[in-house]
Amino acid sequence: TRLEEEIDAMNADLSPLTSFILPGGSMAVSLLHLARGVARRAERAAV
């Protein structure tokens, strides 16, 4: 629930998605996208 609340708070003032996003930008943004991909792989392994 805490993760969901944090997602909602971070998402509150972001503009709606109108396109897919390339995992890039600054180094920090790129590394967050990389961590997201690794977390998805961990989820697949747990499933």
All heavy atoms as atom14 arrays in JSON, in Angstrom:
{
  "sequence": "TRLEEEIDAMNADLSPLTSFILPGGSMAVSLLHLARGVARRAERAAV",
  "atom14_mask": [
    [1, 1, 1, 1, 1, 1, 1, 0, 0, 0, 0, 0, 0, 0],
    [1, 1, 1, 1, 1, 1, 1, 1, 1, 1, 1, 0, 0, 0],
    [1, 1, 1, 1, 1, 1, 1, 1, 0, 0, 0, 0, 0, 0],
    [1, 1, 1, 1, 1, 1, 1, 1, 1, 0, 0, 0, 0, 0],
    [1, 1, 1, 1, 1, 1, 1, 1, 1, 0, 0, 0, 0, 0],
    [1, 1, 1, 1, 1, 1, 1, 1, 1, 0, 0, 0, 0, 0],
    [1, 1, 1, 1, 1, 1, 1, 1, 0, 0, 0, 0, 0, 0],
    [1, 1, 1, 1, 1, 1, 1, 1, 0, 0, 0, 0, 0, 0],
    [1, 1, 1, 1, 1, 0, 0, 0, 0, 0, 0, 0, 0, 0],
    [1, 1, 1, 1, 1, 1, 1, 1, 0, 0, 0, 0, 0, 0],
    [1, 1, 1, 1, 1, 1, 1, 1, 0, 0, 0, 0, 0, 0],
    [1, 1, 1, 1, 1, 0, 0, 0, 0, 0, 0, 0, 0, 0],
    [1, 1, 1, 1, 1, 1, 1, 1, 0, 0, 0, 0, 0, 0],
    [1, 1, 1, 1, 1, 1, 1, 1, 0, 0, 0, 0, 0, 0],
    [1, 1, 1, 1, 1, 1, 0, 0, 0, 0, 0, 0, 0, 0],
    [1, 1, 1, 1, 1, 1, 1, 0, 0, 0, 0, 0, 0, 0],
    [1, 1, 1, 1, 1, 1, 1, 1, 0, 0, 0, 0, 0, 0],
    [1, 1, 1, 1, 1, 1, 1, 0, 0, 0, 0, 0, 0, 0],
    [1, 1, 1, 1, 1, 1, 0, 0, 0, 0, 0, 0, 0, 0],
    [1, 1, 1, 1, 1, 1, 1, 1, 1, 1, 1, 0, 0, 0],
    [1, 1, 1, 1, 1, 1, 1, 1, 0, 0, 0, 0, 0, 0],
    [1, 1, 1, 1, 1, 1, 1, 1, 0, 0, 0, 0, 0, 0],
    [1, 1, 1, 1, 1, 1, 1, 0, 0, 0, 0, 0, 0, 0],
    [1, 1, 1, 1, 0, 0, 0, 0, 0, 0, 0, 0, 0, 0],
    [1, 1, 1, 1, 0, 0, 0, 0, 0, 0, 0, 0, 0, 0],
    [1, 1, 1, 1, 1, 1, 0, 0, 0, 0, 0, 0, 0, 0],
    [1, 1, 1, 1, 1, 1, 1, 1, 0, 0, 0, 0, 0, 0],
    [1, 1, 1, 1, 1, 0, 0, 0, 0, 0, 0, 0, 0, 0],
    [1, 1, 1, 1, 1, 1, 1, 0, 0, 0, 0, 0, 0, 0],
    [1, 1, 1, 1, 1, 1, 0, 0, 0, 0, 0, 0, 0, 0],
    [1, 1, 1, 1, 1, 1, 1, 1, 0, 0, 0, 0, 0, 0],
    [1, 1, 1, 1, 1, 1, 1, 1, 0, 0, 0, 0, 0, 0],
    [1, 1, 1, 1, 1, 1, 1, 1, 1, 1, 0, 0, 0, 0],
    [1, 1, 1, 1, 1, 1, 1, 1, 0, 0, 0, 0, 0, 0],
    [1, 1, 1, 1, 1, 0, 0, 0, 0, 0, 0, 0, 0, 0],
    [1, 1, 1, 1, 1, 1, 1, 1, 1, 1, 1, 0, 0, 0],
    [1, 1, 1, 1, 0, 0, 0, 0, 0, 0, 0, 0, 0, 0],
    [1, 1, 1, 1, 1, 1, 1, 0, 0, 0, 0, 0, 0, 0],
    [1, 1, 1, 1, 1, 0, 0, 0, 0, 0, 0, 0, 0, 0],
    [1, 1, 1, 1, 1, 1, 1, 1, 1, 1, 1, 0, 0, 0],
    [1, 1, 1, 1, 1, 1, 1, 1, 1, 1, 1, 0, 0, 0],
    [1, 1, 1, 1, 1, 0, 0, 0, 0, 0, 0, 0, 0, 0],
    [1, 1, 1, 1, 1, 1, 1, 1, 1, 0, 0, 0, 0, 0],
    [1, 1, 1, 1, 1, 1, 1, 1, 1, 1, 1, 0, 0, 0],
    [1, 1, 1, 1, 1, 0, 0, 0, 0, 0, 0, 0, 0, 0],
    [1, 1, 1, 1, 1, 0, 0, 0, 0, 0, 0, 0, 0, 0],
    [1, 1, 1, 1, 1, 1, 1, 0, 0, 0, 0, 0, 0, 0]
  ],
  "atom14_positions": [
    [[0.83, -1.21, 0.0], [0.0, 0.0, 0.0], [0.86, 1.26, 0.0], [0.56, 2.23, -0.7], [-0.95, -0.01, 1.22], [-1.75, -1.19, 1.17], [-1.84, 1.22, 1.25], [0.0, 0.0, 0.0], [0.0, 0.0, 0.0], [0.0, 0.0, 0.0], [0.0, 0.0, 0.0], [0.0, 0.0, 0.0], [0.0, 0.0, 0.0], [0.0, 0.0, 0.0]],
    [[1.95, 1.24, 0.78], [2.83, 2.4, 0.81], [3.43, 2.67, -0.56], [3.49, 3.82, -1.01], [3.94, 2.21, 1.85], [4.63, 3.55, 2.18], [6.03, 3.42, 2.76], [6.97, 3.07, 1.69], [7.52, 1.87, 1.52], [7.27, 0.88, 2.34], [8.34, 1.65, 0.53], [0.0, 0.0, 0.0], [0.0, 0.0, 0.0], [0.0, 0.0, 0.0]],
    [[3.85, 1.62, -1.26], [4.36, 1.81, -2.63], [3.29, 2.45, -3.5], [3.58, 3.38, -4.28], [4.8, 0.48, -3.24], [6.13, -0.1, -2.82], [6.39, -1.4, -3.57], [7.28, 0.87, -3.03], [0.0, 0.0, 0.0], [0.0, 0.0, 0.0], [0.0, 0.0, 0.0], [0.0, 0.0, 0.0], [0.0, 0.0, 0.0], [0.0, 0.0, 0.0]],
    [[2.06, 1.97, -3.4], [0.96, 2.51, -4.21], [0.71, 3.98, -3.88], [0.48, 4.8, -4.78], [-0.31, 1.69, -4.0], [-0.19, 0.29, -4.59], [-1.3, -0.66, -4.18], [-2.02, -0.38, -3.19], [-1.45, -1.69, -4.86], [0.0, 0.0, 0.0], [0.0, 0.0, 0.0], [0.0, 0.0, 0.0], [0.0, 0.0, 0.0], [0.0, 0.0, 0.0]],
    [[0.77, 4.32, -2.6], [0.58, 5.72, -2.19], [1.69, 6.6, -2.74], [1.45, 7.73, -3.19], [0.51, 5.82, -0.67], [-0.75, 5.21, -0.08], [-0.68, 5.01, 1.43], [0.4, 5.19, 2.04], [-1.74, 4.64, 2.0], [0.0, 0.0, 0.0], [0.0, 0.0, 0.0], [0.0, 0.0, 0.0], [0.0, 0.0, 0.0], [0.0, 0.0, 0.0]],
    [[2.91, 6.1, -2.72], [4.03, 6.87, -3.26], [3.9, 7.02, -4.77], [4.21, 8.1, -5.32], [5.36, 6.21, -2.89], [5.68, 6.33, -1.41], [6.97, 5.64, -1.0], [7.7, 5.11, -1.87], [7.25, 5.63, 0.22], [0.0, 0.0, 0.0], [0.0, 0.0, 0.0], [0.0, 0.0, 0.0], [0.0, 0.0, 0.0], [0.0, 0.0, 0.0]],
    [[3.46, 5.98, -5.45], [3.22, 6.07, -6.9], [2.2, 7.16, -7.18], [2.41, 8.03, -8.04], [2.75, 4.71, -7.47], [3.88, 3.69, -7.43], [2.22, 4.89, -8.9], [3.42, 2.25, -7.67], [0.0, 0.0, 0.0], [0.0, 0.0, 0.0], [0.0, 0.0, 0.0], [0.0, 0.0, 0.0], [0.0, 0.0, 0.0], [0.0, 0.0, 0.0]],
    [[1.08, 7.14, -6.45], [0.03, 8.14, -6.66], [0.56, 9.55, -6.41], [0.26, 10.47, -7.18], [-1.17, 7.86, -5.75], [-1.93, 6.6, -6.15], [-1.73, 6.1, -7.28], [-2.72, 6.11, -5.31], [0.0, 0.0, 0.0], [0.0, 0.0, 0.0], [0.0, 0.0, 0.0], [0.0, 0.0, 0.0], [0.0, 0.0, 0.0], [0.0, 0.0, 0.0]],
    [[1.32, 9.73, -5.35], [1.86, 11.06, -5.02], [2.82, 11.55, -6.11], [2.76, 12.71, -6.51], [2.55, 11.03, -3.66], [0.0, 0.0, 0.0], [0.0, 0.0, 0.0], [0.0, 0.0, 0.0], [0.0, 0.0, 0.0], [0.0, 0.0, 0.0], [0.0, 0.0, 0.0], [0.0, 0.0, 0.0], [0.0, 0.0, 0.0], [0.0, 0.0, 0.0]],
    [[3.7, 10.67, -6.59], [4.66, 11.08, -7.63], [3.95, 11.35, -8.95], [4.36, 12.2, -9.72], [5.73, 9.99, -7.83], [6.73, 9.88, -6.72], [8.08, 8.74, -7.1], [7.25, 7.14, -7.16], [0.0, 0.0, 0.0], [0.0, 0.0, 0.0], [0.0, 0.0, 0.0], [0.0, 0.0, 0.0], [0.0, 0.0, 0.0], [0.0, 0.0, 0.0]],
    [[2.88, 10.62, -9.2], [2.17, 10.71, -10.48], [1.19, 11.88, -10.52], [0.75, 12.27, -11.61], [1.41, 9.4, -10.71], [1.32, 9.01, -12.16], [2.04, 9.53, -13.01], [0.43, 8.09, -12.45], [0.0, 0.0, 0.0], [0.0, 0.0, 0.0], [0.0, 0.0, 0.0], [0.0, 0.0, 0.0], [0.0, 0.0, 0.0], [0.0, 0.0, 0.0]],
    [[0.85, 12.45, -9.37], [-0.23, 13.44, -9.26], [-0.08, 14.62, -10.21], [-1.06, 15.05, -10.82], [-0.34, 13.93, -7.82], [0.0, 0.0, 0.0], [0.0, 0.0, 0.0], [0.0, 0.0, 0.0], [0.0, 0.0, 0.0], [0.0, 0.0, 0.0], [0.0, 0.0, 0.0], [0.0, 0.0, 0.0], [0.0, 0.0, 0.0], [0.0, 0.0, 0.0]],
    [[1.12, 15.15, -10.37], [1.26, 16.32, -11.23], [2.07, 16.04, -12.49], [2.54, 16.96, -13.15], [1.83, 17.51, -10.45], [2.98, 17.16, -9.54], [3.11, 15.99, -9.17], [3.74, 18.08, -9.17], [0.0, 0.0, 0.0], [0.0, 0.0, 0.0], [0.0, 0.0, 0.0], [0.0, 0.0, 0.0], [0.0, 0.0, 0.0], [0.0, 0.0, 0.0]],
    [[2.19, 14.77, -12.86], [2.81, 14.44, -14.14], [1.76, 14.51, -15.24], [0.59, 14.17, -15.02], [3.4, 13.02, -14.11], [4.64, 12.82, -13.25], [5.05, 11.35, -13.26], [5.78, 13.69, -13.73], [0.0, 0.0, 0.0], [0.0, 0.0, 0.0], [0.0, 0.0, 0.0], [0.0, 0.0, 0.0], [0.0, 0.0, 0.0], [0.0, 0.0, 0.0]],
    [[2.18, 14.92, -16.42], [1.24, 14.94, -17.54], [0.93, 13.5, -17.96], [1.78, 12.61, -17.83], [1.82, 15.73, -18.71], [3.06, 15.19, -19.1], [0.0, 0.0, 0.0], [0.0, 0.0, 0.0], [0.0, 0.0, 0.0], [0.0, 0.0, 0.0], [0.0, 0.0, 0.0], [0.0, 0.0, 0.0], [0.0, 0.0, 0.0], [0.0, 0.0, 0.0]],
    [[-0.29, 13.27, -18.45], [-0.66, 11.92, -18.88], [0.25, 11.43, -20.01], [0.75, 12.23, -20.81], [-2.09, 12.06, -19.37], [-2.58, 13.35, -18.79], [-1.38, 14.22, -18.6], [0.0, 0.0, 0.0], [0.0, 0.0, 0.0], [0.0, 0.0, 0.0], [0.0, 0.0, 0.0], [0.0, 0.0, 0.0], [0.0, 0.0, 0.0], [0.0, 0.0, 0.0]],
    [[0.45, 10.13, -20.04], [1.26, 9.54, -21.12], [0.53, 9.67, -22.45], [-0.66, 9.38, -22.54], [1.53, 8.07, -20.83], [2.51, 7.77, -19.71], [2.54, 6.28, -19.41], [3.89, 8.27, -20.06], [0.0, 0.0, 0.0], [0.0, 0.0, 0.0], [0.0, 0.0, 0.0], [0.0, 0.0, 0.0], [0.0, 0.0, 0.0], [0.0, 0.0, 0.0]],
    [[1.25, 10.11, -23.48], [0.69, 10.18, -24.83], [1.51, 9.32, -25.79], [1.16, 9.2, -26.96], [0.68, 11.63, -25.33], [2.03, 12.13, -25.31], [-0.21, 12.51, -24.46], [0.0, 0.0, 0.0], [0.0, 0.0, 0.0], [0.0, 0.0, 0.0], [0.0, 0.0, 0.0], [0.0, 0.0, 0.0], [0.0, 0.0, 0.0], [0.0, 0.0, 0.0]],
    [[2.58, 8.74, -25.28], [3.48, 7.94, -26.1], [4.22, 6.99, -25.17], [4.29, 7.21, -23.96], [4.49, 8.85, -26.8], [5.51, 8.11, -27.45], [0.0, 0.0, 0.0], [0.0, 0.0, 0.0], [0.0, 0.0, 0.0], [0.0, 0.0, 0.0], [0.0, 0.0, 0.0], [0.0, 0.0, 0.0], [0.0, 0.0, 0.0], [0.0, 0.0, 0.0]],
    [[4.8, 5.95, -25.75], [5.73, 5.14, -24.97], [6.96, 5.98, -24.68], [7.29, 6.91, -25.42], [6.12, 3.87, -25.72], [5.03, 2.84, -25.77], [4.33, 2.62, -26.95], [4.69, 2.11, -24.64], [3.32, 1.67, -27.0], [3.68, 1.17, -24.68], [3.0, 0.94, -25.87], [0.0, 0.0, 0.0], [0.0, 0.0, 0.0], [0.0, 0.0, 0.0]],
    [[7.63, 5.66, -23.6], [8.81, 6.4, -23.18], [10.04, 5.54, -23.42], [10.06, 4.37, -23.06], [8.7, 6.75, -21.69], [7.53, 7.7, -21.47], [9.98, 7.37, -21.17], [7.22, 7.93, -20.01], [0.0, 0.0, 0.0], [0.0, 0.0, 0.0], [0.0, 0.0, 0.0], [0.0, 0.0, 0.0], [0.0, 0.0, 0.0], [0.0, 0.0, 0.0]],
    [[11.04, 6.15, -24.03], [12.32, 5.45, -24.19], [13.05, 5.51, -22.85], [13.04, 6.54, -22.17], [13.16, 6.11, -25.27], [12.58, 6.12, -26.67], [13.52, 6.82, -27.64], [12.28, 4.71, -27.14], [0.0, 0.0, 0.0], [0.0, 0.0, 0.0], [0.0, 0.0, 0.0], [0.0, 0.0, 0.0], [0.0, 0.0, 0.0], [0.0, 0.0, 0.0]],
    [[13.67, 4.42, -22.45], [14.4, 4.43, -21.18], [15.72, 5.18, -21.33], [16.75, 4.6, -21.64], [14.6, 2.95, -20.87], [14.44, 2.25, -22.16], [13.62, 3.11, -23.05], [0.0, 0.0, 0.0], [0.0, 0.0, 0.0], [0.0, 0.0, 0.0], [0.0, 0.0, 0.0], [0.0, 0.0, 0.0], [0.0, 0.0, 0.0], [0.0, 0.0, 0.0]],
    [[15.64, 6.49, -21.18], [16.82, 7.32, -21.33], [16.61, 8.67, -20.73], [15.64, 8.91, -20.01], [0.0, 0.0, 0.0], [0.0, 0.0, 0.0], [0.0, 0.0, 0.0], [0.0, 0.0, 0.0], [0.0, 0.0, 0.0], [0.0, 0.0, 0.0], [0.0, 0.0, 0.0], [0.0, 0.0, 0.0], [0.0, 0.0, 0.0], [0.0, 0.0, 0.0]],
    [[17.51, 9.58, -21.05], [17.51, 10.91, -20.47], [18.81, 11.07, -19.72], [19.87, 10.68, -20.2], [0.0, 0.0, 0.0], [0.0, 0.0, 0.0], [0.0, 0.0, 0.0], [0.0, 0.0, 0.0], [0.0, 0.0, 0.0], [0.0, 0.0, 0.0], [0.0, 0.0, 0.0], [0.0, 0.0, 0.0], [0.0, 0.0, 0.0], [0.0, 0.0, 0.0]],
    [[18.72, 11.59, -18.52], [19.93, 11.74, -17.71], [20.39, 10.37, -17.21], [19.66, 9.37, -17.33], [19.64, 12.64, -16.5], [18.79, 11.98, -15.59], [0.0, 0.0, 0.0], [0.0, 0.0, 0.0], [0.0, 0.0, 0.0], [0.0, 0.0, 0.0], [0.0, 0.0, 0.0], [0.0, 0.0, 0.0], [0.0, 0.0, 0.0], [0.0, 0.0, 0.0]],
    [[21.57, 10.34, -16.64], [22.09, 9.09, -16.09], [21.15, 8.54, -15.02], [20.82, 7.35, -15.03], [23.49, 9.3, -15.51], [24.1, 8.04, -14.92], [24.38, 6.73, -16.14], [25.8, 7.39, -16.98], [0.0, 0.0, 0.0], [0.0, 0.0, 0.0], [0.0, 0.0, 0.0], [0.0, 0.0, 0.0], [0.0, 0.0, 0.0], [0.0, 0.0, 0.0]],
    [[20.69, 9.39, -14.12], [19.81, 8.92, -13.04], [18.5, 8.39, -13.58], [18.02, 7.33, -13.14], [19.57, 10.04, -12.03], [0.0, 0.0, 0.0], [0.0, 0.0, 0.0], [0.0, 0.0, 0.0], [0.0, 0.0, 0.0], [0.0, 0.0, 0.0], [0.0, 0.0, 0.0], [0.0, 0.0, 0.0], [0.0, 0.0, 0.0], [0.0, 0.0, 0.0]],
    [[17.89, 9.09, -14.53], [16.63, 8.62, -15.13], [16.86, 7.28, -15.82], [16.07, 6.34, -15.66], [16.05, 9.66, -16.12], [14.88, 9.09, -16.9], [15.62, 10.93, -15.38], [0.0, 0.0, 0.0], [0.0, 0.0, 0.0], [0.0, 0.0, 0.0], [0.0, 0.0, 0.0], [0.0, 0.0, 0.0], [0.0, 0.0, 0.0], [0.0, 0.0, 0.0]],
    [[17.94, 7.17, -16.58], [18.24, 5.92, -17.28], [18.43, 4.78, -16.31], [17.96, 3.65, -16.55], [19.51, 6.1, -18.13], [19.32, 7.11, -19.09], [0.0, 0.0, 0.0], [0.0, 0.0, 0.0], [0.0, 0.0, 0.0], [0.0, 0.0, 0.0], [0.0, 0.0, 0.0], [0.0, 0.0, 0.0], [0.0, 0.0, 0.0], [0.0, 0.0, 0.0]],
    [[19.1, 5.03, -15.2], [19.34, 3.97, -14.22], [18.06, 3.57, -13.49], [17.9, 2.4, -13.14], [20.43, 4.39, -13.23], [21.83, 4.48, -13.84], [22.81, 5.15, -12.88], [22.33, 3.1, -14.25], [0.0, 0.0, 0.0], [0.0, 0.0, 0.0], [0.0, 0.0, 0.0], [0.0, 0.0, 0.0], [0.0, 0.0, 0.0], [0.0, 0.0, 0.0]],
    [[17.15, 4.51, -13.29], [15.84, 4.14, -12.71], [15.08, 3.24, -13.68], [14.45, 2.27, -13.27], [15.03, 5.39, -12.38], [15.48, 6.14, -11.14], [14.8, 7.51, -11.07], [15.19, 5.34, -9.88], [0.0, 0.0, 0.0], [0.0, 0.0, 0.0], [0.0, 0.0, 0.0], [0.0, 0.0, 0.0], [0.0, 0.0, 0.0], [0.0, 0.0, 0.0]],
    [[15.14, 3.55, -14.97], [14.49, 2.68, -15.97], [15.15, 1.3, -16.0], [14.46, 0.28, -16.13], [14.53, 3.32, -17.36], [13.48, 4.36, -17.58], [12.13, 4.07, -17.59], [13.57, 5.69, -17.81], [11.44, 5.17, -17.82], [12.29, 6.17, -17.95], [0.0, 0.0, 0.0], [0.0, 0.0, 0.0], [0.0, 0.0, 0.0], [0.0, 0.0, 0.0]],
    [[16.47, 1.26, -15.89], [17.16, -0.03, -15.86], [16.73, -0.83, -14.62], [16.43, -2.03, -14.72], [18.68, 0.17, -15.85], [19.52, -1.09, -15.79], [19.29, -1.98, -17.0], [21.0, -0.73, -15.66], [0.0, 0.0, 0.0], [0.0, 0.0, 0.0], [0.0, 0.0, 0.0], [0.0, 0.0, 0.0], [0.0, 0.0, 0.0], [0.0, 0.0, 0.0]],
    [[16.67, -0.18, -13.47], [16.22, -0.86, -12.25], [14.79, -1.37, -12.42], [14.46, -2.46, -11.95], [16.32, 0.09, -11.06], [0.0, 0.0, 0.0], [0.0, 0.0, 0.0], [0.0, 0.0, 0.0], [0.0, 0.0, 0.0], [0.0, 0.0, 0.0], [0.0, 0.0, 0.0], [0.0, 0.0, 0.0], [0.0, 0.0, 0.0], [0.0, 0.0, 0.0]],
    [[13.95, -0.6, -13.1], [12.58, -1.04, -13.37], [12.58, -2.34, -14.18], [11.85, -3.28, -13.86], [11.8, 0.04, -14.14], [10.44, -0.4, -14.62], [9.81, 0.61, -15.56], [10.64, 1.01, -16.68], [10.79, 0.32, -17.8], [10.18, -0.83, -17.97], [11.56, 0.78, -18.77], [0.0, 0.0, 0.0], [0.0, 0.0, 0.0], [0.0, 0.0, 0.0]],
    [[13.42, -2.41, -15.2], [13.49, -3.62, -16.01], [13.98, -4.82, -15.22], [13.47, -5.94, -15.37], [0.0, 0.0, 0.0], [0.0, 0.0, 0.0], [0.0, 0.0, 0.0], [0.0, 0.0, 0.0], [0.0, 0.0, 0.0], [0.0, 0.0, 0.0], [0.0, 0.0, 0.0], [0.0, 0.0, 0.0], [0.0, 0.0, 0.0], [0.0, 0.0, 0.0]],
    [[14.95, -4.6, -14.35], [15.47, -5.68, -13.51], [14.39, -6.12, -12.51], [14.23, -7.31, -12.24], [16.78, -5.28, -12.82], [17.27, -6.38, -11.89], [17.85, -4.93, -13.85], [0.0, 0.0, 0.0], [0.0, 0.0, 0.0], [0.0, 0.0, 0.0], [0.0, 0.0, 0.0], [0.0, 0.0, 0.0], [0.0, 0.0, 0.0], [0.0, 0.0, 0.0]],
    [[13.63, -5.17, -11.97], [12.54, -5.51, -11.06], [11.47, -6.33, -11.77], [10.91, -7.27, -11.2], [11.93, -4.25, -10.45], [0.0, 0.0, 0.0], [0.0, 0.0, 0.0], [0.0, 0.0, 0.0], [0.0, 0.0, 0.0], [0.0, 0.0, 0.0], [0.0, 0.0, 0.0], [0.0, 0.0, 0.0], [0.0, 0.0, 0.0], [0.0, 0.0, 0.0]],
    [[11.19, -6.01, -13.03], [10.22, -6.81, -13.8], [10.71, -8.24, -13.97], [9.95, -9.19, -13.89], [9.98, -6.19, -15.18], [9.03, -5.05, -15.18], [7.59, -5.56, -15.21], [6.7, -4.44, -15.37], [5.66, -4.2, -14.59], [5.37, -5.0, -13.59], [4.9, -3.17, -14.8], [0.0, 0.0, 0.0], [0.0, 0.0, 0.0], [0.0, 0.0, 0.0]],
    [[12.01, -8.39, -14.21], [12.58, -9.74, -14.35], [12.47, -10.5, -13.04], [12.14, -11.69, -13.01], [14.03, -9.66, -14.83], [14.6, -11.03, -15.17], [15.96, -10.97, -15.81], [16.93, -10.41, -14.89], [17.82, -9.46, -15.21], [17.85, -8.96, -16.41], [18.67, -9.02, -14.31], [0.0, 0.0, 0.0], [0.0, 0.0, 0.0], [0.0, 0.0, 0.0]],
    [[12.7, -9.81, -11.93], [12.55, -10.45, -10.61], [11.11, -10.88, -10.4], [10.85, -11.96, -9.85], [13.0, -9.48, -9.5], [0.0, 0.0, 0.0], [0.0, 0.0, 0.0], [0.0, 0.0, 0.0], [0.0, 0.0, 0.0], [0.0, 0.0, 0.0], [0.0, 0.0, 0.0], [0.0, 0.0, 0.0], [0.0, 0.0, 0.0], [0.0, 0.0, 0.0]],
    [[10.18, -10.06, -10.83], [8.77, -10.42, -10.72], [8.45, -11.67, -11.53], [7.77, -12.59, -11.05], [7.88, -9.26, -11.17], [6.4, -9.58, -11.08], [5.51, -8.48, -11.66], [6.03, -7.55, -12.32], [4.28, -8.59, -11.46], [0.0, 0.0, 0.0], [0.0, 0.0, 0.0], [0.0, 0.0, 0.0], [0.0, 0.0, 0.0], [0.0, 0.0, 0.0]],
    [[8.97, -11.74, -12.76], [8.74, -12.93, -13.58], [9.31, -14.18, -12.92], [8.7, -15.25, -12.94], [9.33, -12.74, -14.99], [8.58, -11.74, -15.84], [9.03, -11.74, -17.3], [10.45, -11.53, -17.49], [11.03, -10.34, -17.63], [10.31, -9.24, -17.59], [12.32, -10.25, -17.83], [0.0, 0.0, 0.0], [0.0, 0.0, 0.0], [0.0, 0.0, 0.0]],
    [[10.5, -14.05, -12.31], [11.11, -15.2, -11.64], [10.29, -15.61, -10.43], [10.12, -16.81, -10.17], [12.54, -14.86, -11.22], [0.0, 0.0, 0.0], [0.0, 0.0, 0.0], [0.0, 0.0, 0.0], [0.0, 0.0, 0.0], [0.0, 0.0, 0.0], [0.0, 0.0, 0.0], [0.0, 0.0, 0.0], [0.0, 0.0, 0.0], [0.0, 0.0, 0.0]],
    [[9.75, -14.66, -9.69], [8.92, -14.98, -8.52], [7.61, -15.63, -8.94], [7.13, -16.57, -8.29], [8.67, -13.74, -7.69], [0.0, 0.0, 0.0], [0.0, 0.0, 0.0], [0.0, 0.0, 0.0], [0.0, 0.0, 0.0], [0.0, 0.0, 0.0], [0.0, 0.0, 0.0], [0.0, 0.0, 0.0], [0.0, 0.0, 0.0], [0.0, 0.0, 0.0]],
    [[7.03, -15.15, -10.04], [5.79, -15.76, -10.55], [6.08, -17.19, -11.0], [5.29, -18.1, -10.73], [5.19, -14.91, -11.69], [4.11, -15.67, -12.44], [4.63, -13.6, -11.13], [0.0, 0.0, 0.0], [0.0, 0.0, 0.0], [0.0, 0.0, 0.0], [0.0, 0.0, 0.0], [0.0, 0.0, 0.0], [0.0, 0.0, 0.0], [0.0, 0.0, 0.0]]
  ]
}
